[in-house]
Amino acid sequence: MVKLVALYKHPEDLDVFNQHYFGTHLELNAKTPGLVRTEVSRFFDLRGGATEHYLMCEMYFESRDTLKASFKTPESKEAGEDLQSFAGGLVTFLFAEVVDEPI
């Protein structure tokens, strides 16, 4: 299992960002072929301070090949274009392999 992690910095207008992200973008993302599940988290600081990032989206795929293949699909391209239209300067992408070994 692998995942694409999208880290979002704090947007200037939180309401506009949330409305588009949760109302439009996640629906487009859900259509991505090969996507197993999506998990979205909001960051917080235990001391009550500010955090560098606002939101994290983790998109899970069965394998690296499945993830790579998903980037070539029209659905993924549509979601990517949508992302750039409202959050292009806010997002950083990371790729990770899920580790199933005990710690």
C-alpha atoms as a PDB file:
ATOM      1  CA  MET A   1       0.000   0.000   0.000  1.00  0.00           C
ATOM      2  CA  VAL A   2       1.286   3.468  -0.896  1.00  0.00           C
ATOM      3  CA  LYS A   3      -0.106   6.928  -0.455  1.00  0.00           C
ATOM      4  CA  LEU A   4       0.045  10.371  -1.904  1.00  0.00           C
ATOM      5  CA  VAL A   5       0.078  12.941   0.886  1.00  0.00           C
ATOM      6  CA  ALA A   6      -0.998  16.510   0.152  1.00  0.00           C
ATOM      7  CA  LEU A   7      -0.051  19.091   2.796  1.00  0.00           C
ATOM      8  CA  TYR A   8      -1.905  22.402   2.608  1.00  0.00           C
ATOM      9  CA  LYS A   9      -0.724  25.654   4.157  1.00  0.00           C
ATOM     10  CA  HIS A  10      -3.277  28.007   5.679  1.00  0.00           C
ATOM     11  CA  PRO A  11      -5.382  29.679   2.975  1.00  0.00           C
ATOM     12  CA  GLU A  12      -6.134  33.401   3.070  1.00  0.00           C
ATOM     13  CA  ASP A  13      -9.888  32.803   3.063  1.00  0.00           C
ATOM     14  CA  LEU A  14     -10.653  29.692   5.073  1.00  0.00           C
ATOM     15  CA  ASP A  15     -14.373  29.634   4.256  1.00  0.00           C
ATOM     16  CA  VAL A  16     -13.827  29.845   0.491  1.00  0.00           C
ATOM     17  CA  PHE A  17     -11.106  27.180   0.655  1.00  0.00           C
ATOM     18  CA  ASN A  18     -13.207  24.790   2.763  1.00  0.00           C
ATOM     19  CA  GLN A  19     -16.274  25.236   0.593  1.00  0.00           C
ATOM     20  CA  HIS A  20     -14.373  24.385  -2.574  1.00  0.00           C
ATOM     21  CA  TYR A  21     -12.172  21.677  -1.070  1.00  0.00           C
ATOM     22  CA  PHE A  22     -14.918  19.750   0.700  1.00  0.00           C
ATOM     23  CA  GLY A  23     -17.720  20.635  -1.715  1.00  0.00           C
ATOM     24  CA  THR A  24     -15.974  20.144  -5.055  1.00  0.00           C
ATOM     25  CA  HIS A  25     -12.391  18.918  -4.920  1.00  0.00           C
ATOM     26  CA  LEU A  26     -12.874  15.809  -2.795  1.00  0.00           C
ATOM     27  CA  GLU A  27     -15.692  14.676  -5.082  1.00  0.00           C
ATOM     28  CA  LEU A  28     -13.382  14.981  -8.094  1.00  0.00           C
ATOM     29  CA  ASN A  29     -10.613  13.184  -6.210  1.00  0.00           C
ATOM     30  CA  ALA A  30     -12.926  10.303  -5.336  1.00  0.00           C
ATOM     31  CA  LYS A  31     -13.313   9.507  -9.050  1.00  0.00           C
ATOM     32  CA  THR A  32      -9.580   8.740  -9.430  1.00  0.00           C
ATOM     33  CA  PRO A  33      -9.160   5.169 -10.720  1.00  0.00           C
ATOM     34  CA  GLY A  34      -7.209   2.958  -8.328  1.00  0.00           C
ATOM     35  CA  LEU A  35      -7.886   5.113  -5.280  1.00  0.00           C
ATOM     36  CA  VAL A  36      -8.588   2.809  -2.326  1.00  0.00           C
ATOM     37  CA  ARG A  37      -9.449   5.414   0.291  1.00  0.00           C
ATOM     38  CA  THR A  38      -8.941   9.029   1.250  1.00  0.00           C
ATOM     39  CA  GLU A  39      -8.327  10.434   4.707  1.00  0.00           C
ATOM     40  CA  VAL A  40      -8.389  14.168   5.480  1.00  0.00           C
ATOM     41  CA  SER A  41      -6.989  15.645   8.710  1.00  0.00           C
ATOM     42  CA  ARG A  42      -6.784  19.164  10.146  1.00  0.00           C
ATOM     43  CA  PHE A  43      -3.671  20.078  12.117  1.00  0.00           C
ATOM     44  CA  PHE A  44      -3.649  21.545  15.613  1.00  0.00           C
ATOM     45  CA  ASP A  45      -1.053  22.571  18.178  1.00  0.00           C
ATOM     46  CA  LEU A  46      -1.473  21.146  21.684  1.00  0.00           C
ATOM     47  CA  ARG A  47      -0.235  24.430  23.144  1.00  0.00           C
ATOM     48  CA  GLY A  48      -2.871  26.378  21.225  1.00  0.00           C
ATOM     49  CA  GLY A  49      -0.422  28.006  18.853  1.00  0.00           C
ATOM     50  CA  ALA A  50      -0.450  28.219  15.092  1.00  0.00           C
ATOM     51  CA  THR A  51       0.613  25.350  12.856  1.00  0.00           C
ATOM     52  CA  GLU A  52       2.584  25.578   9.625  1.00  0.00           C
ATOM     53  CA  HIS A  53       0.014  23.505   7.764  1.00  0.00           C
ATOM     54  CA  TYR A  54      -3.763  23.626   7.840  1.00  0.00           C
ATOM     55  CA  LEU A  55      -4.834  20.356   6.242  1.00  0.00           C
ATOM     56  CA  MET A  56      -3.480  16.983   5.138  1.00  0.00           C
ATOM     57  CA  CYS A  57      -5.069  14.664   2.612  1.00  0.00           C
ATOM     58  CA  GLU A  58      -3.818  11.076   2.340  1.00  0.00           C
ATOM     59  CA  MET A  59      -4.833   9.162  -0.783  1.00  0.00           C
ATOM     60  CA  TYR A  60      -4.163   5.422  -0.638  1.00  0.00           C
ATOM     61  CA  PHE A  61      -3.373   3.121  -3.571  1.00  0.00           C
ATOM     62  CA  GLU A  62      -2.560  -0.613  -3.715  1.00  0.00           C
ATOM     63  CA  SER A  63       0.875  -0.122  -5.299  1.00  0.00           C
ATOM     64  CA  ARG A  64       3.306   2.363  -6.795  1.00  0.00           C
ATOM     65  CA  ASP A  65       2.298   1.205 -10.264  1.00  0.00           C
ATOM     66  CA  THR A  66      -1.375   1.834  -9.515  1.00  0.00           C
ATOM     67  CA  LEU A  67      -0.539   5.300  -8.210  1.00  0.00           C
ATOM     68  CA  LYS A  68       1.578   6.110 -11.274  1.00  0.00           C
ATOM     69  CA  ALA A  69      -1.130   4.842 -13.618  1.00  0.00           C
ATOM     70  CA  SER A  70      -3.748   6.975 -11.874  1.00  0.00           C
ATOM     71  CA  PHE A  71      -1.856  10.148 -12.837  1.00  0.00           C
ATOM     72  CA  LYS A  72      -2.437   9.374 -16.513  1.00  0.00           C
ATOM     73  CA  THR A  73      -6.223   9.222 -16.241  1.00  0.00           C
ATOM     74  CA  PRO A  74      -8.628  11.995 -17.251  1.00  0.00           C
ATOM     75  CA  GLU A  75     -10.162  11.903 -13.761  1.00  0.00           C
ATOM     76  CA  SER A  76      -6.829  12.556 -12.085  1.00  0.00           C
ATOM     77  CA  LYS A  77      -5.981  15.306 -14.543  1.00  0.00           C
ATOM     78  CA  GLU A  78      -9.320  16.996 -13.854  1.00  0.00           C
ATOM     79  CA  ALA A  79      -8.726  16.849 -10.088  1.00  0.00           C
ATOM     80  CA  GLY A  80      -5.204  18.208 -10.565  1.00  0.00           C
ATOM     81  CA  GLU A  81      -6.395  21.121 -12.669  1.00  0.00           C
ATOM     82  CA  ASP A  82      -9.061  21.886 -10.091  1.00  0.00           C
ATOM     83  CA  LEU A  83      -6.471  21.812  -7.315  1.00  0.00           C
ATOM     84  CA  GLN A  84      -4.217  24.256  -9.141  1.00  0.00           C
ATOM     85  CA  SER A  85      -7.157  26.612  -9.663  1.00  0.00           C
ATOM     86  CA  PHE A  86      -7.757  27.195  -5.937  1.00  0.00           C
ATOM     87  CA  ALA A  87      -4.769  25.862  -3.962  1.00  0.00           C
ATOM     88  CA  GLY A  88      -1.772  25.615  -6.286  1.00  0.00           C
ATOM     89  CA  GLY A  89       0.477  27.756  -4.111  1.00  0.00           C
ATOM     90  CA  LEU A  90      -0.648  26.139  -0.867  1.00  0.00           C
ATOM     91  CA  VAL A  91       0.030  22.462  -1.462  1.00  0.00           C
ATOM     92  CA  THR A  92       3.100  20.244  -1.123  1.00  0.00           C
ATOM     93  CA  PHE A  93       3.034  16.594  -2.232  1.00  0.00           C
ATOM     94  CA  LEU A  94       4.797  13.656  -0.600  1.00  0.00           C
ATOM     95  CA  PHE A  95       4.755   9.982  -1.557  1.00  0.00           C
ATOM     96  CA  ALA A  96       5.019   7.229   1.059  1.00  0.00           C
ATOM     97  CA  GLU A  97       4.855   3.492   1.451  1.00  0.00           C
ATOM     98  CA  VAL A  98       2.708   2.215   4.310  1.00  0.00           C
ATOM     99  CA  VAL A  99       4.798   0.137   6.728  1.00  0.00           C
ATOM    100  CA  ASP A 100       2.994  -2.861   8.191  1.00  0.00           C
ATOM    101  CA  GLU A 101       5.841  -4.024  10.417  1.00  0.00           C
ATOM    102  CA  PRO A 102       5.522  -3.783  14.204  1.00  0.00           C
ATOM    103  CA  ILE A 103       7.508  -1.029  15.821  1.00  0.00           C
END
